[in-house]
Amino acid sequence: MAKKIIVVDEQDKDVVTERVYRDLKVFEIPLNKGVNFHLKVLKAKNVKETKENVYWIAQSHNKFKTRKYRTFKSASKNQKELHVLLNELNKGTKYGKRYVLNKDGEEVLNPDFHVCTLKTTGFVKRAYLATNPYKSHTEKREGVFFGNLKYVQRTLGKGIWLEGINYTPEFKEQGAFILAVDKPQVLSLLVERRTLPEKIVRSNPIKKDNCDSVEQELLYGDVLDIHMHLHNVLSEDYKLTKEVFYGEESMTKGYSTLIDINIPKDEHNPSLDYNVSILDEHVVNLSWAGKTNHKEAKDSEDSLQEYTMVFIFTPVSKHAITNNYPTIKREVTLTVNYKSDFSATVNEKDYVTNPNIVKVWQPPLITQLYEQECNYTELTVSCNGFEPKTFLKRI
């Protein structure tokens, strides 16, 4: 049997967007608005029999293809698990007879015999709702529409997987995601100077704060952590780029590997792409000073200069362009101090444990491919006329 989920009311069709995303149907519905859905039979040997033996199943969108199902309000009336019910319904039909007589009157195995089990019904158990072929208790629905269901969602980006099944969930064309979706937008964007080891930064939750400028004063060589939360900015629909400017002059032009940011997508569950989080990084590169003629301060003086980090989300897919998705632009200001050397200030005293401070003159950034652990043996500083001193040593 072939069937699909459709929107019932004409007025709802004006506010619901129906699309196929990564080979699965998605209904993008407004927040806090109830929308009615029902099933339409596309093809069936026996429409009447099909309609009377179809069951709604639903899962929270983030539990897609798991054994965790949502319970319908009236599902408490289900006295039997789905596989038990189906086996009882098969009794007396061709599907419930293990043996049948052939043309010669001999008893042979019935090719239509079918036994449902907990496994073959997808572990639905009692979390199903029989679809109703009637408009009301007395009025029968005409045509091939049945199974009315109204759904409302009050949290942006959340929703359900809804499917009409005969025996088992297929998680394919006969079902659909129903999600509360708004216009594409940046929910939060925070850029801050990295103060913790990268491993700790990446193990912590991505922050949900907003900023127009980096609060901390920066030095060349600092690493910036970029925390971003997006809604309805799908990787198929948008390209995200990042550039740093001094006035109108780009600091990153020509370094394409530095300015593209991949919008993530979940490998197994397309619905999770509607609310995504990004943790990216960017180095405050010393080359910017050369491009902008930023003068290095002398002694303990300051030499401050402002840059602007610009994030641009550009619609690229046919769906995004046809539906007039907006180009989104966010800017964050960076203030960089080109100091001549490192000095321990009052604010840094808690981190200084050795009175013999080594002055580092604009250290280069050292990175490793594939983010592997650094397998150092020791770190030793030597200087003419002085004994070499070991600061770090692997035990």
Protein backbone atom coordinates (compact mmCIF):
# COMPACT_ATOMS: atom_id res chain seq x y z
CA MET A 1 0.00 0.00 0.00
CA ALA A 2 1.24 3.48 -0.83
CA LYS A 3 0.11 6.47 1.20
CA LYS A 4 1.33 9.91 2.16
CA ILE A 5 0.64 12.52 4.82
CA ILE A 6 -1.00 15.75 3.66
CA VAL A 7 -2.30 18.96 5.22
CA VAL A 8 -6.08 18.95 5.68
CA ASP A 9 -7.26 22.57 5.74
CA GLU A 10 -6.73 25.01 2.88
CA GLN A 11 -6.00 27.89 5.25
CA ASP A 12 -3.18 25.86 6.82
CA LYS A 13 -1.53 25.31 3.44
CA ASP A 14 -0.73 29.04 3.25
CA VAL A 15 1.36 28.91 6.44
CA VAL A 16 2.87 25.43 6.12
CA THR A 17 5.92 24.80 3.95
CA GLU A 18 6.20 21.28 2.55
CA ARG A 19 9.61 20.20 1.29
CA VAL A 20 11.74 17.12 0.74
CA TYR A 21 14.97 17.43 2.66
CA ARG A 22 17.59 14.69 2.38
CA ASP A 23 15.01 12.33 0.81
CA LEU A 24 12.45 12.73 3.60
CA LYS A 25 9.34 14.88 3.70
CA VAL A 26 9.27 17.80 6.13
CA PHE A 27 6.28 19.95 7.07
CA GLU A 28 7.53 23.28 8.44
CA ILE A 29 4.68 24.58 10.58
CA PRO A 30 4.29 27.88 12.48
CA LEU A 31 5.11 28.01 16.18
CA ASN A 32 2.13 27.67 18.55
CA LYS A 33 -0.40 26.94 15.78
CA GLY A 34 -2.32 23.68 15.53
CA VAL A 35 -2.26 22.13 12.06
CA ASN A 36 -4.45 19.22 10.92
CA PHE A 37 -2.93 16.33 8.98
CA HIS A 38 -4.38 13.18 7.47
CA LEU A 39 -3.35 10.30 5.25
CA LYS A 40 -4.09 9.88 1.59
CA VAL A 41 -4.16 6.44 -0.03
CA LEU A 42 -2.21 6.51 -3.27
CA LYS A 43 -2.42 2.84 -4.13
CA ALA A 44 -3.96 -0.19 -2.42
CA LYS A 45 -5.49 -3.52 -3.43
CA ASN A 46 -8.34 -2.98 -1.00
CA VAL A 47 -8.81 0.63 0.08
CA LYS A 48 -11.50 -0.19 2.65
CA GLU A 49 -9.44 -2.92 4.31
CA THR A 50 -6.37 -0.72 4.23
CA LYS A 51 -8.13 2.24 5.85
CA GLU A 52 -9.46 0.11 8.66
CA ASN A 53 -6.06 -1.34 9.46
CA VAL A 54 -3.77 1.68 9.52
CA TYR A 55 -2.21 3.05 12.70
CA TRP A 56 -0.53 6.32 13.52
CA ILE A 57 2.85 6.12 15.24
CA ALA A 58 4.91 9.12 16.31
CA GLN A 59 8.37 9.83 17.67
CA SER A 60 9.94 13.01 19.00
CA HIS A 61 12.07 14.33 16.16
CA ASN A 62 15.29 13.72 18.11
CA LYS A 63 14.32 10.05 18.73
CA PHE A 64 13.94 9.27 15.02
CA LYS A 65 14.41 5.56 14.20
CA THR A 66 14.76 4.57 17.85
CA ARG A 67 12.47 2.33 19.90
CA LYS A 68 11.08 5.35 21.76
CA TYR A 69 7.59 6.37 20.65
CA ARG A 70 5.27 9.18 21.66
CA THR A 71 2.04 8.10 23.30
CA PHE A 72 -1.22 9.46 21.88
CA LYS A 73 -3.82 10.77 24.31
CA SER A 74 -6.25 8.02 23.42
CA ALA A 75 -3.56 5.30 23.21
CA SER A 76 -4.26 4.43 26.84
CA LYS A 77 -7.33 2.66 25.49
CA ASN A 78 -5.13 0.19 23.64
CA GLN A 79 -5.53 -3.04 25.57
CA LYS A 80 -3.16 -5.02 23.38
CA GLU A 81 0.26 -4.46 21.95
CA LEU A 82 0.25 -3.87 18.21
CA HIS A 83 1.70 -7.25 17.18
CA VAL A 84 -0.85 -9.09 19.34
CA LEU A 85 -3.71 -7.04 17.88
CA LEU A 86 -2.57 -7.66 14.28
CA ASN A 87 -2.27 -11.41 14.83
CA GLU A 88 -5.82 -11.50 16.20
CA LEU A 89 -7.11 -9.49 13.24
CA ASN A 90 -5.45 -11.98 10.88
CA LYS A 91 -7.36 -14.90 12.38
CA GLY A 92 -9.92 -16.20 9.93
CA THR A 93 -8.27 -14.42 6.99
CA LYS A 94 -5.81 -15.77 4.44
CA TYR A 95 -2.99 -14.14 6.44
CA GLY A 96 -3.80 -16.16 9.55
CA LYS A 97 -3.86 -19.63 8.01
CA ARG A 98 -0.56 -21.47 8.10
CA TYR A 99 -1.74 -24.14 5.65
CA VAL A 100 -4.11 -24.02 2.67
CA LEU A 101 -5.36 -26.60 0.18
CA ASN A 102 -3.94 -26.62 -3.31
CA LYS A 103 -5.79 -27.58 -6.52
CA ASP A 104 -5.28 -31.26 -5.74
CA GLY A 105 -6.77 -30.92 -2.29
CA GLU A 106 -3.41 -31.30 -0.60
CA GLU A 107 -2.48 -29.23 2.44
CA VAL A 108 0.49 -26.93 1.66
CA LEU A 109 2.17 -23.96 3.32
CA ASN A 110 0.26 -20.71 2.80
CA PRO A 111 2.51 -18.09 1.09
CA ASP A 112 0.33 -15.32 2.55
CA PHE A 113 0.62 -16.57 6.13
CA HIS A 114 2.05 -13.85 8.34
CA VAL A 115 2.88 -13.72 12.05
CA CYS A 116 3.62 -10.34 13.61
CA THR A 117 6.13 -10.08 16.45
CA LEU A 118 7.34 -7.31 18.71
CA LYS A 119 10.39 -6.98 16.47
CA THR A 120 8.53 -6.97 13.14
CA THR A 121 6.22 -4.22 14.41
CA GLY A 122 9.18 -2.04 15.33
CA PHE A 123 8.65 -2.40 19.10
CA VAL A 124 5.65 -0.05 18.89
CA LYS A 125 3.86 -1.93 21.70
CA ARG A 126 0.82 0.15 22.79
CA ALA A 127 2.07 3.50 21.42
CA TYR A 128 -0.21 3.51 18.36
CA LEU A 129 -3.45 5.17 17.37
CA ALA A 130 -5.93 3.50 15.04
CA THR A 131 -6.87 5.86 12.21
CA ASN A 132 -10.53 6.64 11.87
CA PRO A 133 -12.26 6.34 8.47
CA TYR A 134 -15.13 8.46 9.78
CA LYS A 135 -15.44 12.27 9.90
CA SER A 136 -17.55 11.87 13.01
CA HIS A 137 -19.18 9.04 14.92
CA THR A 138 -21.92 8.82 12.30
CA GLU A 139 -20.54 10.41 9.11
CA LYS A 140 -18.17 8.27 7.03
CA ARG A 141 -15.31 9.98 5.22
CA GLU A 142 -15.62 9.86 1.44
CA GLY A 143 -12.74 9.29 -0.95
CA VAL A 144 -9.29 8.20 0.12
CA PHE A 145 -8.57 10.56 3.03
CA PHE A 146 -8.50 9.30 6.61
CA GLY A 147 -6.68 9.45 9.91
CA ASN A 148 -7.15 13.05 11.08
CA LEU A 149 -4.51 14.27 13.53
CA LYS A 150 -3.92 17.79 14.87
CA TYR A 151 -0.45 18.80 15.98
CA VAL A 152 0.92 21.92 17.70
CA GLN A 153 4.50 22.65 18.76
CA ARG A 154 5.60 25.41 21.14
CA THR A 155 9.40 25.17 20.84
CA LEU A 156 11.30 26.37 17.79
CA GLY A 157 13.04 23.61 15.83
CA LYS A 158 11.28 20.78 17.66
CA GLY A 159 8.60 18.43 16.42
CA ILE A 160 7.75 14.83 15.61
CA TRP A 161 8.12 12.09 13.05
CA LEU A 162 4.60 10.98 12.10
CA GLU A 163 3.84 7.87 10.08
CA GLY A 164 0.81 5.82 9.11
CA ILE A 165 1.69 2.13 9.23
CA ASN A 166 -0.02 -1.19 8.48
CA TYR A 167 2.47 -3.45 10.22
CA THR A 168 5.77 -1.74 10.94
CA PRO A 169 7.38 1.72 10.72
CA GLU A 170 9.44 2.15 7.58
CA PHE A 171 10.77 5.67 8.31
CA LYS A 172 10.51 6.51 4.60
CA GLU A 173 8.05 8.10 2.17
CA GLN A 174 4.86 7.18 4.04
CA GLY A 175 5.91 9.36 7.01
CA ALA A 176 7.05 12.94 7.54
CA PHE A 177 8.74 15.25 10.01
CA ILE A 178 6.48 17.98 11.40
CA LEU A 179 8.65 20.76 12.85
CA ALA A 180 8.05 24.25 14.23
CA VAL A 181 10.12 26.43 11.90
CA ASP A 182 10.66 30.18 11.63
CA LYS A 183 12.70 32.22 9.14
CA PRO A 184 16.45 31.42 8.90
CA GLN A 185 18.28 33.20 11.70
CA VAL A 186 21.31 33.36 13.98
CA LEU A 187 20.00 32.64 17.47
CA SER A 188 23.28 33.57 19.16
CA LEU A 189 26.86 34.49 18.25
CA LEU A 190 29.72 34.87 20.70
CA VAL A 191 33.37 35.52 19.86
CA GLU A 192 35.85 35.43 22.75
CA ARG A 193 39.55 35.08 23.41
CA ARG A 194 40.58 31.52 24.23
CA THR A 195 41.69 31.21 27.85
CA LEU A 196 41.39 27.44 28.28
CA PRO A 197 43.09 24.50 26.53
CA GLU A 198 41.40 23.56 23.25
CA LYS A 199 40.40 20.12 24.55
CA ILE A 200 38.46 21.71 27.43
CA VAL A 201 36.82 24.30 25.15
CA ARG A 202 35.57 21.57 22.82
CA SER A 203 34.34 19.37 25.64
CA ASN A 204 32.24 22.15 27.18
CA PRO A 205 28.76 23.12 25.87
CA ILE A 206 28.71 25.71 23.07
CA LYS A 207 27.78 29.03 24.68
CA LYS A 208 24.51 30.79 23.87
CA ASP A 209 25.57 34.38 24.58
CA ASN A 210 25.60 37.24 22.06
CA CYS A 211 28.18 39.94 21.46
CA ASP A 212 28.94 42.82 19.09
CA SER A 213 32.58 43.01 20.17
CA VAL A 214 35.15 40.82 21.88
CA GLU A 215 35.29 41.92 25.50
CA GLN A 216 38.94 41.01 26.04
CA GLU A 217 41.82 43.01 24.63
CA LEU A 218 43.66 40.84 22.12
CA LEU A 219 47.28 40.29 21.13
CA TYR A 220 48.55 39.00 17.81
CA GLY A 221 48.79 35.22 18.10
CA ASP A 222 45.66 34.91 20.26
CA VAL A 223 43.08 32.32 19.30
CA LEU A 224 39.42 33.31 19.14
CA ASP A 225 36.65 30.84 19.95
CA ILE A 226 33.46 31.37 17.96
CA HIS A 227 30.23 30.01 19.48
CA MET A 228 27.20 30.02 17.20
CA HIS A 229 23.62 28.70 17.32
CA LEU A 230 21.52 28.70 14.13
CA HIS A 231 17.90 28.01 13.27
CA ASN A 232 16.69 26.92 9.82
CA VAL A 233 20.11 27.57 8.29
CA LEU A 234 20.52 24.23 6.52
CA SER A 235 23.78 23.22 4.89
CA GLU A 236 21.92 22.54 1.61
CA ASP A 237 20.43 26.04 1.62
CA TYR A 238 23.24 28.28 2.84
CA LYS A 239 26.96 28.94 2.51
CA LEU A 240 28.68 30.51 5.54
CA THR A 241 31.81 32.61 5.16
CA LYS A 242 33.92 34.55 7.64
CA GLU A 243 36.18 37.52 6.86
CA VAL A 244 38.18 40.00 8.92
CA PHE A 245 38.40 43.63 7.80
CA TYR A 246 40.42 46.70 8.70
CA GLY A 247 38.16 49.38 7.35
CA GLU A 248 37.38 48.17 3.83
CA GLU A 249 40.51 46.04 3.48
CA SER A 250 40.16 42.28 3.94
CA MET A 251 42.72 40.55 6.14
CA THR A 252 41.70 37.05 5.07
CA LYS A 253 41.18 37.44 1.33
CA GLY A 254 43.20 34.84 -0.53
CA TYR A 255 43.09 32.39 2.40
CA SER A 256 39.89 30.56 1.45
CA THR A 257 40.64 27.69 3.83
CA LEU A 258 40.41 30.16 6.70
CA ILE A 259 37.15 31.89 5.85
CA ASP A 260 34.72 29.05 4.98
CA ILE A 261 32.78 27.55 7.88
CA ASN A 262 30.98 24.25 7.36
CA ILE A 263 27.38 24.20 8.52
CA PRO A 264 27.01 20.80 10.20
CA LYS A 265 24.38 18.21 9.40
CA ASP A 266 23.48 15.11 11.36
CA GLU A 267 24.47 11.91 9.62
CA HIS A 268 21.37 9.92 10.63
CA ASN A 269 18.62 12.42 11.48
CA PRO A 270 17.82 15.27 9.05
CA SER A 271 15.44 16.99 11.50
CA LEU A 272 18.35 17.86 13.81
CA ASP A 273 19.77 20.13 11.09
CA TYR A 274 17.10 22.76 11.79
CA ASN A 275 18.76 23.78 15.08
CA VAL A 276 22.55 23.48 14.86
CA SER A 277 25.48 24.68 16.94
CA ILE A 278 28.92 25.59 15.64
CA LEU A 279 32.21 25.92 17.48
CA ASP A 280 34.87 27.48 15.27
CA GLU A 281 38.19 29.24 15.88
CA HIS A 282 40.23 32.01 14.30
CA VAL A 283 43.79 33.19 14.90
CA VAL A 284 44.56 36.89 15.39
CA ASN A 285 47.27 36.75 12.76
CA LEU A 286 50.42 38.88 12.95
CA SER A 287 50.21 39.33 9.17
CA TRP A 288 47.35 41.76 9.77
CA ALA A 289 49.79 44.22 11.33
CA GLY A 290 51.93 44.17 8.20
CA LYS A 291 48.95 44.64 5.90
CA THR A 292 47.61 47.61 7.89
CA ASN A 293 50.93 49.16 8.93
CA HIS A 294 49.99 48.64 12.58
CA LYS A 295 52.94 50.09 14.52
CA GLU A 296 54.40 48.09 17.38
CA ALA A 297 54.29 49.89 20.71
CA LYS A 298 57.49 50.68 22.55
CA ASP A 299 58.30 49.49 26.06
CA SER A 300 55.07 49.08 28.05
CA GLU A 301 52.96 51.40 25.91
CA ASP A 302 49.82 50.31 24.07
CA SER A 303 49.16 50.32 20.34
CA LEU A 304 45.46 49.56 19.80
CA GLN A 305 43.78 48.85 16.49
CA GLU A 306 40.24 47.73 15.63
CA TYR A 307 39.25 45.01 13.17
CA THR A 308 35.82 43.72 12.21
CA MET A 309 35.00 40.03 11.84
CA VAL A 310 32.11 39.59 9.40
CA PHE A 311 29.95 36.47 9.06
CA ILE A 312 27.81 36.19 5.92
CA PHE A 313 25.16 33.51 5.34
CA THR A 314 24.32 33.37 1.63
CA PRO A 315 21.33 31.38 0.28
CA VAL A 316 22.50 29.03 -2.48
CA SER A 317 19.87 26.31 -3.02
CA LYS A 318 16.92 26.49 -5.39
CA HIS A 319 14.57 26.08 -2.42
CA ALA A 320 16.18 28.96 -0.52
CA ILE A 321 16.20 31.31 -3.51
CA THR A 322 12.64 30.43 -4.58
CA ASN A 323 11.35 31.07 -1.06
CA ASN A 324 13.27 34.37 -0.75
CA TYR A 325 15.50 33.27 2.11
CA PRO A 326 17.43 36.29 3.41
CA THR A 327 21.17 36.89 3.28
CA ILE A 328 22.22 37.12 6.93
CA LYS A 329 25.14 39.28 8.08
CA ARG A 330 26.64 39.55 11.57
CA GLU A 331 29.65 41.65 12.65
CA VAL A 332 31.91 41.50 15.69
CA THR A 333 34.58 44.10 16.54
CA LEU A 334 38.07 43.03 17.65
CA THR A 335 40.55 45.31 19.45
CA VAL A 336 44.18 44.22 19.07
CA ASN A 337 47.09 45.60 21.10
CA TYR A 338 50.47 45.35 19.33
CA LYS A 339 52.70 45.21 22.41
CA SER A 340 56.43 44.89 22.09
CA ASP A 341 56.79 42.14 24.66
CA PHE A 342 55.05 40.10 27.32
CA SER A 343 54.85 41.40 30.87
CA ALA A 344 53.12 40.11 33.96
CA THR A 345 50.36 42.53 34.94
CA VAL A 346 48.29 42.66 38.08
CA ASN A 347 45.52 40.72 36.37
CA GLU A 348 47.93 38.00 35.32
CA LYS A 349 49.68 37.50 38.64
CA ASP A 350 47.57 34.46 39.53
CA TYR A 351 48.96 32.63 36.54
CA VAL A 352 52.63 33.45 37.18
CA THR A 353 54.38 30.95 39.44
CA ASN A 354 57.99 31.45 38.39
CA PRO A 355 59.65 34.82 39.14
CA ASN A 356 62.05 34.30 36.22
CA ILE A 357 59.76 35.49 33.43
CA VAL A 358 60.82 34.74 29.88
CA LYS A 359 59.90 37.49 27.41
CA VAL A 360 58.52 36.07 24.18
CA TRP A 361 58.72 38.35 21.13
CA GLN A 362 55.57 37.70 19.04
CA PRO A 363 55.61 33.89 19.18
CA PRO A 364 54.40 32.08 16.05
CA LEU A 365 51.30 29.94 16.34
CA ILE A 366 52.11 26.23 16.36
CA THR A 367 49.42 23.84 15.13
CA GLN A 368 49.30 20.13 14.46
CA LEU A 369 47.43 18.27 11.77
CA TYR A 370 44.42 16.19 12.81
CA GLU A 371 44.44 17.70 16.33
CA GLN A 372 46.75 14.99 17.65
CA GLU A 373 48.24 15.23 21.11
CA CYS A 374 51.68 16.81 21.30
CA ASN A 375 54.16 14.06 22.15
CA TYR A 376 56.87 16.30 23.61
CA THR A 377 59.63 15.04 25.89
CA GLU A 378 60.65 18.34 27.46
CA LEU A 379 60.74 22.11 26.97
CA THR A 380 64.13 23.70 27.67
CA VAL A 381 65.14 27.36 27.34
CA SER A 382 68.82 28.16 26.88
CA CYS A 383 70.67 31.44 26.58
CA ASN A 384 74.33 32.32 26.06
CA GLY A 385 76.16 32.60 29.36
CA PHE A 386 73.42 30.83 31.33
CA GLU A 387 72.71 27.25 32.21
CA PRO A 388 69.82 25.69 30.16
CA LYS A 389 66.61 25.56 32.20
CA THR A 390 63.93 22.89 31.77
CA PHE A 391 60.37 24.15 32.38
CA LEU A 392 58.28 21.19 31.27
CA LYS A 393 59.23 17.54 31.23
CA ARG A 394 57.10 14.52 30.44
CA ILE A 395 57.27 11.93 33.19
